Amino acid sequence: MKISARRDDLLRPLQQIVGVVERRQTLPILANVLIAVRQGNLSLTATDLEVELKTHTVVDASGEAEFTLPARKLLDIVKALPDDAEVSLELDGSKATLKSGRGRYTLGMLPAQDYPSIDPSKASDTFSLPAGVMKRLIDKTHFAMAQQDVRYYLNGLLLEIRANRVRTVATDGHRLALCDAEFDADTGVDIQVILPRKAVLELGRLLDDSDDVANFEISNSHLRVTLSNSSFTSKLIDGRFPDYERVMPNGTTAVMLADKSTLRQALTRTAILSNEKYRGIRFRLSEGLLHLQAHNPEQDEAEEEVEVDYSGPELTIGFNVGYLLDVLSTIDGDDVEMAVIDSNSSCLVTQKGSTECRFVVMPMRL
């Protein structure tokens, strides 16, 4: 059997799915991509048993077939071909030969029937969102997810839908990111699930900023997202997400307004001489001025002063500078508001004039 396609028609779907393929696999077949050809339509499927991603592209084929090939090797070959190159794939027994121009590459196949699949139970909730809305929610919050925390429910992202609002929340216990968007749904919709970290990152890459509709199906253990030319399935984290509403600061008395770009540049410079392990930086607020200070065990010290809009009491508070820079890189707009109650309270960071996305950073003792 022979399959023919343009290089660009193969490259995009391969790039979409390859992130799902783990480099170190317990099962050799999980390093492969499942390829199915039917009626001129080629589907590519990759899974790590937790996440599954399937994409489609159009090809010229002389029949129907289903087989698996090494995912990263196939991607690397296709990526290295010239733009607009014509690619053909010929199957013969347990080998597949890819040809393009004068190049010839033979890859070993594994049986398609051995390739595992994720079969979620019947969906209990379904809803639809523009792909761009979901991508924005993920982009604004995913950085605050924990990594390999023993509290496994923190190693993911909370997706919550209530009435006319869809919300994503992430926290690692030291910081929290929350973002809202309006949602047109039937009254009474109430969904709260936790997506695992890898699923969040792959879904963020898969979605684009368009108004194309993404259809969501949620069962008691899985989430499935269907787009025009791809399908994404992931297991859900079985756990209870913390009550994030309790973490949000209330009764703030000190509010600082600053130019986002100026503050980010000052923090970046000051961070150079902060402690590499703890990344601590001291904020000292006085009327109209923010004084930044950092030092490290080598006795290096950095100081910066930034003009801000602030008229509250003098205040000194410590923060992990990396957490603040993550937030400032995420916030839209030119001005940022930082609100605190006192030196021992967490800091609420928002874009000026908007509470759609809110970020909480816990203080540090310096």
Protein backbone atom coordinates (compact mmCIF):
# COMPACT_ATOMS: atom_id res chain seq x y z
CA MET A 1 0.00 0.00 0.00
CA LYS A 2 1.18 3.55 -0.77
CA ILE A 3 0.24 6.80 0.97
CA SER A 4 1.13 10.19 -0.56
CA ALA A 5 0.93 13.66 1.01
CA ARG A 6 2.57 17.07 1.10
CA ARG A 7 5.17 17.52 3.80
CA ASP A 8 3.28 20.43 5.43
CA ASP A 9 0.06 18.38 5.64
CA LEU A 10 1.90 15.76 7.72
CA LEU A 11 4.09 18.09 9.76
CA ARG A 12 1.37 20.05 11.58
CA PRO A 13 -0.59 17.06 12.96
CA LEU A 14 2.65 15.31 13.92
CA GLN A 15 3.78 18.39 15.84
CA GLN A 16 0.44 18.55 17.61
CA ILE A 17 0.53 15.00 18.94
CA VAL A 18 4.21 14.42 19.64
CA GLY A 19 4.06 16.22 23.01
CA VAL A 20 1.82 13.44 24.32
CA VAL A 21 4.51 10.82 23.60
CA GLU A 22 6.74 10.31 26.62
CA ARG A 23 10.47 9.95 25.91
CA ARG A 24 10.81 7.20 28.49
CA GLN A 25 8.16 4.53 28.07
CA THR A 26 7.43 1.36 30.02
CA LEU A 27 5.67 -0.02 26.92
CA PRO A 28 7.66 0.26 23.67
CA ILE A 29 4.50 0.80 21.61
CA LEU A 30 3.74 4.02 23.53
CA ALA A 31 6.73 5.60 21.75
CA ASN A 32 4.81 5.08 18.50
CA VAL A 33 1.99 6.93 16.81
CA LEU A 34 -1.06 5.01 15.62
CA ILE A 35 -1.77 5.78 11.96
CA ALA A 36 -5.08 4.83 10.35
CA VAL A 37 -5.88 5.46 6.68
CA ARG A 38 -9.46 5.27 5.44
CA GLN A 39 -11.02 6.84 2.32
CA GLY A 40 -8.23 9.38 1.86
CA ASN A 41 -8.32 10.48 5.49
CA LEU A 42 -5.27 9.84 7.68
CA SER A 43 -5.68 9.94 11.46
CA LEU A 44 -2.78 10.11 13.91
CA THR A 45 -3.22 9.04 17.53
CA ALA A 46 -0.76 9.35 20.43
CA THR A 47 -1.27 8.36 24.07
CA ASP A 48 0.62 7.85 27.32
CA LEU A 49 -2.37 6.05 28.92
CA GLU A 50 -3.32 9.26 30.78
CA VAL A 51 -3.78 11.59 27.80
CA GLU A 52 -4.80 10.76 24.23
CA LEU A 53 -4.71 13.09 21.23
CA LYS A 54 -6.04 12.31 17.78
CA THR A 55 -5.64 14.52 14.69
CA HIS A 56 -6.63 14.20 11.04
CA THR A 57 -5.25 15.18 7.64
CA VAL A 58 -6.10 14.46 4.01
CA VAL A 59 -3.82 12.19 1.92
CA ASP A 60 -3.85 10.18 -1.30
CA ALA A 61 -4.03 6.48 -0.49
CA SER A 62 -4.58 3.35 -2.55
CA GLY A 63 -6.44 1.49 0.18
CA GLU A 64 -7.05 1.25 3.91
CA ALA A 65 -4.51 0.41 6.62
CA GLU A 66 -3.76 0.74 10.32
CA PHE A 67 -0.22 0.60 11.73
CA THR A 68 2.16 2.30 14.18
CA LEU A 69 5.48 4.08 13.61
CA PRO A 70 8.04 5.67 15.98
CA ALA A 71 6.54 9.11 16.64
CA ARG A 72 9.61 11.28 17.21
CA LYS A 73 11.66 9.66 14.44
CA LEU A 74 8.82 10.19 11.97
CA LEU A 75 8.43 13.82 13.06
CA ASP A 76 12.18 14.51 12.85
CA ILE A 77 12.34 13.10 9.31
CA VAL A 78 9.32 15.06 8.07
CA LYS A 79 10.51 18.25 9.79
CA ALA A 80 13.94 17.97 8.11
CA LEU A 81 12.45 17.71 4.61
CA PRO A 82 12.31 20.81 2.36
CA ASP A 83 9.19 22.97 2.43
CA ASP A 84 6.45 21.78 0.03
CA ALA A 85 8.22 18.44 -0.43
CA GLU A 86 6.12 15.50 -1.57
CA VAL A 87 6.17 12.53 0.82
CA SER A 88 5.20 8.92 0.13
CA LEU A 89 4.89 6.06 2.61
CA GLU A 90 4.94 2.45 1.43
CA LEU A 91 4.06 -0.46 3.72
CA ASP A 92 5.68 -3.85 3.41
CA GLY A 93 5.27 -6.44 6.14
CA SER A 94 6.72 -5.05 9.39
CA LYS A 95 8.50 -2.14 7.68
CA ALA A 96 7.38 1.22 6.32
CA THR A 97 9.50 3.13 3.79
CA LEU A 98 9.18 6.90 3.62
CA LYS A 99 10.40 8.48 0.37
CA SER A 100 10.84 12.13 -0.55
CA GLY A 101 12.97 13.36 -3.44
CA ARG A 102 16.06 11.20 -3.42
CA GLY A 103 15.69 10.32 0.26
CA ARG A 104 14.58 6.94 1.52
CA TYR A 105 13.92 6.11 5.18
CA THR A 106 12.83 2.71 6.47
CA LEU A 107 11.11 2.51 9.85
CA GLY A 108 10.01 -0.50 11.87
CA MET A 109 6.29 -0.92 12.57
CA LEU A 110 4.51 -2.42 15.58
CA PRO A 111 1.03 -4.02 15.30
CA ALA A 112 -1.87 -1.55 15.46
CA GLN A 113 -3.98 -4.00 17.46
CA ASP A 114 -1.50 -3.72 20.35
CA TYR A 115 -1.92 0.07 20.56
CA PRO A 116 -3.85 1.07 23.73
CA SER A 117 -6.76 3.47 23.68
CA ILE A 118 -8.61 5.52 26.29
CA ASP A 119 -12.32 4.76 26.36
CA PRO A 120 -14.08 7.18 28.71
CA SER A 121 -17.42 6.33 30.23
CA LYS A 122 -20.54 8.07 28.95
CA ALA A 123 -20.42 11.85 29.41
CA SER A 124 -22.55 13.25 32.22
CA ASP A 125 -22.04 16.90 31.19
CA THR A 126 -21.46 18.55 27.83
CA PHE A 127 -20.85 22.17 26.89
CA SER A 128 -19.21 24.23 24.15
CA LEU A 129 -16.82 27.17 24.26
CA PRO A 130 -14.88 29.17 21.65
CA ALA A 131 -11.39 27.65 21.51
CA GLY A 132 -9.84 31.08 22.11
CA VAL A 133 -11.72 31.55 25.39
CA MET A 134 -10.50 28.24 26.82
CA LYS A 135 -6.95 28.87 25.60
CA ARG A 136 -6.90 32.25 27.35
CA LEU A 137 -8.13 30.74 30.63
CA ILE A 138 -5.39 28.10 30.48
CA ASP A 139 -2.67 30.57 29.46
CA LYS A 140 -3.53 32.92 32.34
CA THR A 141 -3.44 30.30 35.09
CA HIS A 142 -1.39 27.20 34.18
CA PHE A 143 1.92 28.62 35.44
CA ALA A 144 0.71 28.40 39.06
CA MET A 145 0.19 24.61 38.95
CA ALA A 146 2.36 22.54 41.28
CA GLN A 147 4.95 20.10 39.96
CA GLN A 148 5.23 16.67 41.57
CA ASP A 149 3.60 17.82 44.81
CA VAL A 150 2.56 15.04 47.20
CA ARG A 151 -0.81 16.81 47.29
CA TYR A 152 -1.62 15.33 43.89
CA TYR A 153 -4.71 17.52 43.39
CA LEU A 154 -2.41 20.58 43.16
CA ASN A 155 -0.57 19.06 40.17
CA GLY A 156 -3.34 20.22 37.88
CA LEU A 157 -5.89 22.88 37.01
CA LEU A 158 -9.40 23.32 38.38
CA LEU A 159 -12.04 23.81 35.68
CA GLU A 160 -15.24 25.18 37.15
CA ILE A 161 -18.53 26.12 35.47
CA ARG A 162 -21.36 27.67 37.41
CA ALA A 163 -24.36 29.48 35.92
CA ASN A 164 -22.94 31.93 33.38
CA ARG A 165 -19.26 31.71 34.31
CA VAL A 166 -16.38 29.42 33.39
CA ARG A 167 -13.30 29.64 35.60
CA THR A 168 -9.85 28.09 35.81
CA VAL A 169 -7.82 28.05 39.04
CA ALA A 170 -4.30 26.81 39.76
CA THR A 171 -2.20 26.89 42.92
CA ASP A 172 0.97 25.32 44.28
CA GLY A 173 0.34 26.46 47.84
CA HIS A 174 2.59 29.53 47.52
CA ARG A 175 0.67 31.38 44.80
CA LEU A 176 -2.69 31.17 43.11
CA ALA A 177 -3.97 32.16 39.66
CA LEU A 178 -7.67 32.54 38.86
CA CYS A 179 -9.31 33.63 35.62
CA ASP A 180 -12.97 34.00 34.64
CA ALA A 181 -14.89 34.22 31.39
CA GLU A 182 -18.58 34.61 30.65
CA PHE A 183 -20.33 31.43 29.64
CA ASP A 184 -23.71 31.00 27.99
CA ALA A 185 -25.19 27.89 29.55
CA ASP A 186 -28.45 26.60 30.92
CA THR A 187 -29.19 27.73 34.44
CA GLY A 188 -28.13 25.14 36.97
CA VAL A 189 -24.94 24.00 35.26
CA ASP A 190 -22.44 23.13 37.99
CA ILE A 191 -19.17 21.43 36.99
CA GLN A 192 -15.94 21.22 38.96
CA VAL A 193 -13.13 18.93 37.73
CA ILE A 194 -9.33 18.85 38.02
CA LEU A 195 -7.28 18.38 34.85
CA PRO A 196 -3.79 16.86 35.28
CA ARG A 197 -0.78 19.03 34.54
CA LYS A 198 0.24 17.33 31.31
CA ALA A 199 -3.30 17.50 29.94
CA VAL A 200 -3.45 21.23 30.68
CA LEU A 201 -0.18 21.95 28.86
CA GLU A 202 -1.10 19.82 25.83
CA LEU A 203 -4.60 21.29 25.60
CA GLY A 204 -3.09 24.79 25.78
CA ARG A 205 -0.87 23.94 22.80
CA LEU A 206 -3.71 22.34 20.85
CA LEU A 207 -6.17 25.22 21.19
CA ASP A 208 -5.75 28.41 19.16
CA ASP A 209 -7.07 31.96 19.57
CA SER A 210 -9.93 31.50 17.11
CA ASP A 211 -13.70 31.56 17.63
CA ASP A 212 -13.94 27.95 16.44
CA VAL A 213 -16.13 25.93 18.77
CA ALA A 214 -14.54 23.42 21.14
CA ASN A 215 -16.98 20.79 22.40
CA PHE A 216 -16.38 19.45 25.91
CA GLU A 217 -17.65 16.15 27.29
CA ILE A 218 -17.10 15.34 30.97
CA SER A 219 -17.66 11.96 32.59
CA ASN A 220 -16.88 10.92 36.16
CA SER A 221 -13.25 10.15 35.25
CA HIS A 222 -12.45 11.73 31.86
CA LEU A 223 -12.59 14.93 29.83
CA ARG A 224 -12.90 14.89 26.05
CA VAL A 225 -12.47 17.98 23.87
CA THR A 226 -13.47 17.77 20.21
CA LEU A 227 -12.27 20.34 17.66
CA SER A 228 -12.81 20.52 13.91
CA ASN A 229 -9.84 18.27 13.06
CA SER A 230 -8.74 16.77 16.37
CA SER A 231 -9.94 15.04 19.51
CA PHE A 232 -8.32 15.26 22.96
CA THR A 233 -9.05 12.91 25.86
CA SER A 234 -7.61 12.98 29.37
CA LYS A 235 -8.16 11.29 32.69
CA LEU A 236 -9.26 13.58 35.51
CA ILE A 237 -7.59 13.88 38.91
CA ASP A 238 -9.75 12.27 41.57
CA GLY A 239 -9.43 14.65 44.47
CA ARG A 240 -10.84 17.72 46.17
CA PHE A 241 -9.38 21.06 45.14
CA PRO A 242 -8.69 23.51 48.01
CA ASP A 243 -11.28 26.17 48.85
CA TYR A 244 -9.54 28.88 46.84
CA GLU A 245 -12.11 31.54 47.82
CA ARG A 246 -10.71 31.50 51.37
CA VAL A 247 -7.24 32.37 50.03
CA MET A 248 -8.39 35.51 48.24
CA PRO A 249 -7.42 38.56 50.39
CA ASN A 250 -10.35 40.54 51.76
CA GLY A 251 -10.35 43.97 53.38
CA THR A 252 -7.20 45.20 51.67
CA THR A 253 -6.05 48.58 52.95
CA ALA A 254 -2.86 49.26 50.97
CA VAL A 255 -3.17 49.45 47.17
CA MET A 256 -0.22 50.23 44.89
CA LEU A 257 -0.63 51.13 41.21
CA ALA A 258 2.46 50.79 39.01
CA ASP A 259 3.46 50.75 35.37
CA LYS A 260 3.74 47.06 34.57
CA SER A 261 6.72 47.29 32.23
CA THR A 262 8.75 49.54 34.55
CA LEU A 263 8.06 47.32 37.57
CA ARG A 264 8.90 44.12 35.68
CA GLN A 265 12.22 45.52 34.45
CA ALA A 266 13.17 46.68 37.96
CA LEU A 267 12.29 43.29 39.43
CA THR A 268 14.26 41.49 36.71
CA ARG A 269 17.39 43.53 37.47
CA THR A 270 17.05 43.18 41.23
CA ALA A 271 16.48 39.42 40.95
CA ILE A 272 19.97 38.95 39.50
CA LEU A 273 21.49 39.33 42.97
CA SER A 274 18.78 37.55 44.93
CA ASN A 275 19.35 34.22 46.68
CA GLU A 276 19.33 31.63 43.88
CA LYS A 277 17.44 29.10 46.02
CA TYR A 278 14.79 31.26 47.70
CA ARG A 279 14.57 34.17 45.19
CA GLY A 280 13.53 36.53 48.00
CA ILE A 281 13.13 40.26 47.37
CA ARG A 282 12.10 42.96 49.85
CA PHE A 283 9.38 45.50 49.00
CA ARG A 284 9.42 48.74 50.99
CA LEU A 285 6.46 50.97 50.18
CA SER A 286 6.25 54.63 51.04
CA GLU A 287 4.20 57.46 49.57
CA GLY A 288 4.74 57.52 45.78
CA LEU A 289 7.76 55.20 45.92
CA LEU A 290 8.57 51.48 45.91
CA HIS A 291 12.04 50.49 47.13
CA LEU A 292 13.25 47.03 46.04
CA GLN A 293 16.13 45.24 47.72
CA ALA A 294 17.75 41.81 47.26
CA HIS A 295 20.90 40.15 48.56
CA ASN A 296 22.53 36.72 48.55
CA PRO A 297 24.98 34.63 50.64
CA GLU A 298 27.90 36.01 48.58
CA GLN A 299 27.17 39.44 50.12
CA ASP A 300 26.00 40.88 46.79
CA GLU A 301 23.20 43.41 47.05
CA ALA A 302 20.82 45.10 44.63
CA GLU A 303 18.54 48.10 45.16
CA GLU A 304 16.02 49.75 42.86
CA GLU A 305 13.47 52.51 43.28
CA VAL A 306 10.28 52.70 41.24
CA GLU A 307 7.80 55.59 41.22
CA VAL A 308 4.31 54.25 41.98
CA ASP A 309 0.87 55.55 42.82
CA TYR A 310 0.63 54.81 46.55
CA SER A 311 -0.53 56.88 49.48
CA GLY A 312 -1.02 54.30 52.24
CA PRO A 313 1.08 53.62 55.34
CA GLU A 314 4.74 52.65 55.05
CA LEU A 315 4.99 48.91 54.55
CA THR A 316 7.78 46.33 54.21
CA ILE A 317 7.04 42.87 52.83
CA GLY A 318 9.03 40.06 51.17
CA PHE A 319 8.13 38.07 48.05
CA ASN A 320 9.54 35.37 45.81
CA VAL A 321 10.53 37.49 42.82
CA GLY A 322 10.00 34.61 40.38
CA TYR A 323 6.34 34.38 41.36
CA LEU A 324 5.84 38.12 40.80
CA LEU A 325 7.57 38.04 37.41
CA ASP A 326 5.34 35.13 36.33
CA VAL A 327 2.27 37.18 37.20
CA LEU A 328 3.50 40.34 35.48
CA SER A 329 4.25 38.32 32.33
CA THR A 330 0.66 37.08 32.32
CA ILE A 331 -1.30 40.26 33.06
CA ASP A 332 -2.65 42.28 30.14
CA GLY A 333 -2.69 46.07 30.04
CA ASP A 334 -0.07 48.68 30.93
CA ASP A 335 -0.83 49.15 34.65
CA VAL A 336 -0.91 46.68 37.50
CA GLU A 337 -2.51 46.92 40.94
CA MET A 338 -1.04 45.22 44.02
CA ALA A 339 -3.13 45.13 47.18
CA VAL A 340 -2.10 43.93 50.66
CA ILE A 341 -3.51 44.21 54.19
CA ASP A 342 -0.21 44.18 56.11
CA SER A 343 3.34 42.79 56.03
CA ASN A 344 2.20 39.27 56.85
CA SER A 345 -0.69 39.01 54.40
CA SER A 346 -0.80 37.68 50.87
CA CYS A 347 -0.78 40.10 47.94
CA LEU A 348 -3.59 40.35 45.38
CA VAL A 349 -2.35 41.33 41.91
CA THR A 350 -4.71 42.42 39.13
CA GLN A 351 -4.77 44.42 35.94
CA LYS A 352 -5.90 47.99 36.60
CA GLY A 353 -9.67 48.23 36.36
CA SER A 354 -10.26 44.47 35.89
CA THR A 355 -10.91 41.56 38.25
CA GLU A 356 -11.42 38.98 35.50
CA CYS A 357 -8.00 37.51 36.29
CA ARG A 358 -6.71 37.60 39.86
CA PHE A 359 -3.37 36.43 41.20
CA VAL A 360 -2.39 35.82 44.82
CA VAL A 361 1.23 35.66 45.99
CA MET A 362 2.08 34.64 49.54
CA PRO A 363 4.66 36.74 51.45
CA MET A 364 8.15 35.54 52.43
CA ARG A 365 10.09 36.09 55.61
CA LEU A 366 13.44 37.67 54.75
